[in-house]
Amino acid sequence: MSTSELAYTYAALILHDAEAEISAANLNKVVKAAGIEAEGYWAPLFAKLLKSKDLGSLITNVGAGAPAAAPAPTAAAPAAAGKAAPAAAAPPPVEEKEEEEAVSFDLFD
């Protein structure tokens, strides 16, 4: 992400938080007030994009539209090719935690 794009992203968030209109002019004012030299073509692009979108819902639904990751293939994958799968897989062995031995010295003695 370029510095200009990031500047206009933050400017849009600032305008949204201030409940001000997200227009190209307002975006440019915020970026200029921040002392950032940015390409001017970003302001109309952001204004046009956010005019048809609700920025509040975009903020609250970040990542909500992403599809769930596919499960990793397992050893039972060959069963899908026509081989019979075992009725129940054995659970992995549970490792017992070892008790910590009492240390007979003090670090600061």
C-alpha atoms as a PDB file:
ATOM      1  CA  MET A   1       0.000   0.000   0.000  1.00  0.00           C
ATOM      2  CA  SER A   2       1.460   3.349  -0.976  1.00  0.00           C
ATOM      3  CA  THR A   3       1.821   6.250   1.421  1.00  0.00           C
ATOM      4  CA  SER A   4      -0.798   8.217  -0.515  1.00  0.00           C
ATOM      5  CA  GLU A   5      -3.297   5.381  -0.417  1.00  0.00           C
ATOM      6  CA  LEU A   6      -2.738   4.925   3.298  1.00  0.00           C
ATOM      7  CA  ALA A   7      -3.100   8.661   3.917  1.00  0.00           C
ATOM      8  CA  TYR A   8      -6.459   8.770   2.152  1.00  0.00           C
ATOM      9  CA  THR A   9      -7.605   5.626   3.961  1.00  0.00           C
ATOM     10  CA  TYR A  10      -6.898   7.250   7.327  1.00  0.00           C
ATOM     11  CA  ALA A  11      -8.468  10.503   6.121  1.00  0.00           C
ATOM     12  CA  ALA A  12     -11.657   8.632   5.235  1.00  0.00           C
ATOM     13  CA  LEU A  13     -11.692   7.001   8.672  1.00  0.00           C
ATOM     14  CA  ILE A  14     -11.179  10.391  10.343  1.00  0.00           C
ATOM     15  CA  LEU A  15     -14.022  11.947   8.356  1.00  0.00           C
ATOM     16  CA  HIS A  16     -16.274   8.997   9.168  1.00  0.00           C
ATOM     17  CA  ASP A  17     -15.455   9.288  12.869  1.00  0.00           C
ATOM     18  CA  ALA A  18     -16.197  13.018  12.767  1.00  0.00           C
ATOM     19  CA  GLU A  19     -19.467  12.240  10.963  1.00  0.00           C
ATOM     20  CA  ALA A  20     -18.395  14.565   8.144  1.00  0.00           C
ATOM     21  CA  GLU A  21     -19.110  14.053   4.469  1.00  0.00           C
ATOM     22  CA  ILE A  22     -16.477  11.909   2.767  1.00  0.00           C
ATOM     23  CA  SER A  23     -15.863  14.006  -0.322  1.00  0.00           C
ATOM     24  CA  ALA A  24     -12.744  14.573  -2.395  1.00  0.00           C
ATOM     25  CA  ALA A  25     -12.423  18.102  -1.017  1.00  0.00           C
ATOM     26  CA  ASN A  26     -12.681  16.957   2.614  1.00  0.00           C
ATOM     27  CA  LEU A  27     -10.252  14.088   2.040  1.00  0.00           C
ATOM     28  CA  ASN A  28      -7.741  16.517   0.524  1.00  0.00           C
ATOM     29  CA  LYS A  29      -8.165  18.902   3.471  1.00  0.00           C
ATOM     30  CA  VAL A  30      -7.409  16.167   6.011  1.00  0.00           C
ATOM     31  CA  VAL A  31      -4.383  14.876   4.089  1.00  0.00           C
ATOM     32  CA  LYS A  32      -3.044  18.397   3.581  1.00  0.00           C
ATOM     33  CA  ALA A  33      -3.588  19.231   7.280  1.00  0.00           C
ATOM     34  CA  ALA A  34      -1.549  16.149   8.168  1.00  0.00           C
ATOM     35  CA  GLY A  35       1.324  17.505   6.096  1.00  0.00           C
ATOM     36  CA  ILE A  36       1.392  14.579   3.700  1.00  0.00           C
ATOM     37  CA  GLU A  37       2.192  15.088   0.046  1.00  0.00           C
ATOM     38  CA  ALA A  38       0.003  12.605  -1.776  1.00  0.00           C
ATOM     39  CA  GLU A  39      -1.129  12.049  -5.325  1.00  0.00           C
ATOM     40  CA  GLY A  40      -4.370  13.914  -5.875  1.00  0.00           C
ATOM     41  CA  TYR A  41      -6.097  11.193  -7.866  1.00  0.00           C
ATOM     42  CA  TRP A  42      -6.725   9.162  -4.700  1.00  0.00           C
ATOM     43  CA  ALA A  43      -9.243  11.651  -3.265  1.00  0.00           C
ATOM     44  CA  PRO A  44     -11.861  11.329  -6.041  1.00  0.00           C
ATOM     45  CA  LEU A  45     -11.374   7.559  -6.139  1.00  0.00           C
ATOM     46  CA  PHE A  46     -11.959   7.170  -2.408  1.00  0.00           C
ATOM     47  CA  ALA A  47     -14.877   9.623  -2.455  1.00  0.00           C
ATOM     48  CA  LYS A  48     -16.572   7.792  -5.332  1.00  0.00           C
ATOM     49  CA  LEU A  49     -16.025   4.386  -3.726  1.00  0.00           C
ATOM     50  CA  LEU A  50     -17.236   5.401  -0.285  1.00  0.00           C
ATOM     51  CA  LYS A  51     -20.228   7.327  -1.609  1.00  0.00           C
ATOM     52  CA  SER A  52     -21.947   4.042  -2.439  1.00  0.00           C
ATOM     53  CA  LYS A  53     -20.682   2.130   0.624  1.00  0.00           C
ATOM     54  CA  ASP A  54     -21.427   2.392   4.315  1.00  0.00           C
ATOM     55  CA  LEU A  55     -17.994   2.835   5.894  1.00  0.00           C
ATOM     56  CA  GLY A  56     -19.329   1.860   9.315  1.00  0.00           C
ATOM     57  CA  SER A  57     -20.425  -1.557   8.051  1.00  0.00           C
ATOM     58  CA  LEU A  58     -17.109  -2.000   6.245  1.00  0.00           C
ATOM     59  CA  ILE A  59     -15.273  -1.375   9.511  1.00  0.00           C
ATOM     60  CA  THR A  60     -17.418  -3.716  11.588  1.00  0.00           C
ATOM     61  CA  ASN A  61     -17.441  -6.533   9.027  1.00  0.00           C
ATOM     62  CA  VAL A  62     -13.733  -6.748   8.322  1.00  0.00           C
ATOM     63  CA  GLY A  63     -13.036 -10.303   7.254  1.00  0.00           C
ATOM     64  CA  ALA A  64     -16.630 -11.425   7.652  1.00  0.00           C
ATOM     65  CA  GLY A  65     -17.051 -12.076   3.940  1.00  0.00           C
ATOM     66  CA  ALA A  66     -13.966 -14.229   3.601  1.00  0.00           C
ATOM     67  CA  PRO A  67     -14.678 -17.885   2.913  1.00  0.00           C
ATOM     68  CA  ALA A  68     -13.608 -20.430   5.473  1.00  0.00           C
ATOM     69  CA  ALA A  69     -10.356 -22.194   4.802  1.00  0.00           C
ATOM     70  CA  ALA A  70     -10.648 -25.669   3.363  1.00  0.00           C
ATOM     71  CA  PRO A  71      -9.690 -28.414   5.776  1.00  0.00           C
ATOM     72  CA  ALA A  72      -6.261 -29.897   5.314  1.00  0.00           C
ATOM     73  CA  PRO A  73      -6.142 -33.301   3.673  1.00  0.00           C
ATOM     74  CA  THR A  74      -5.841 -36.146   6.143  1.00  0.00           C
ATOM     75  CA  ALA A  75      -4.845 -39.778   6.026  1.00  0.00           C
ATOM     76  CA  ALA A  76      -8.493 -40.631   5.324  1.00  0.00           C
ATOM     77  CA  ALA A  77      -8.268 -38.906   1.949  1.00  0.00           C
ATOM     78  CA  PRO A  78      -7.620 -42.207   0.091  1.00  0.00           C
ATOM     79  CA  ALA A  79     -10.975 -43.406   1.421  1.00  0.00           C
ATOM     80  CA  ALA A  80     -12.628 -40.932  -0.892  1.00  0.00           C
ATOM     81  CA  ALA A  81     -11.045 -42.743  -3.833  1.00  0.00           C
ATOM     82  CA  GLY A  82     -13.128 -45.859  -3.149  1.00  0.00           C
ATOM     83  CA  LYS A  83     -11.270 -47.519  -0.280  1.00  0.00           C
ATOM     84  CA  ALA A  84     -13.106 -48.187   2.947  1.00  0.00           C
ATOM     85  CA  ALA A  85     -12.296 -45.827   5.774  1.00  0.00           C
ATOM     86  CA  PRO A  86     -11.636 -47.182   9.265  1.00  0.00           C
ATOM     87  CA  ALA A  87     -14.667 -46.997  11.544  1.00  0.00           C
ATOM     88  CA  ALA A  88     -12.991 -44.816  14.146  1.00  0.00           C
ATOM     89  CA  ALA A  89      -9.533 -43.366  14.228  1.00  0.00           C
ATOM     90  CA  ALA A  90      -7.511 -43.927  17.363  1.00  0.00           C
ATOM     91  CA  PRO A  91      -7.139 -40.717  19.383  1.00  0.00           C
ATOM     92  CA  PRO A  92      -3.604 -39.335  19.530  1.00  0.00           C
ATOM     93  CA  PRO A  93      -1.696 -40.336  22.653  1.00  0.00           C
ATOM     94  CA  VAL A  94      -1.896 -37.819  25.467  1.00  0.00           C
ATOM     95  CA  GLU A  95       1.464 -36.734  26.796  1.00  0.00           C
ATOM     96  CA  GLU A  96       1.696 -36.578  30.557  1.00  0.00           C
ATOM     97  CA  LYS A  97       3.143 -33.419  32.004  1.00  0.00           C
ATOM     98  CA  GLU A  98       6.224 -33.935  34.073  1.00  0.00           C
ATOM     99  CA  GLU A  99       6.307 -32.335  37.471  1.00  0.00           C
ATOM    100  CA  GLU A 100       8.953 -29.686  37.879  1.00  0.00           C
ATOM    101  CA  GLU A 101      11.648 -30.519  40.359  1.00  0.00           C
ATOM    102  CA  ALA A 102      12.101 -28.137  43.250  1.00  0.00           C
ATOM    103  CA  VAL A 103      15.234 -26.059  42.761  1.00  0.00           C
ATOM    104  CA  SER A 104      17.326 -25.868  45.887  1.00  0.00           C
ATOM    105  CA  PHE A 105      19.102 -22.598  45.167  1.00  0.00           C
ATOM    106  CA  ASP A 106      18.018 -19.004  45.094  1.00  0.00           C
ATOM    107  CA  LEU A 107      19.050 -16.852  42.181  1.00  0.00           C
ATOM    108  CA  PHE A 108      19.803 -13.848  44.389  1.00  0.00           C
ATOM    109  CA  ASP A 109      21.692 -15.552  47.266  1.00  0.00           C
END
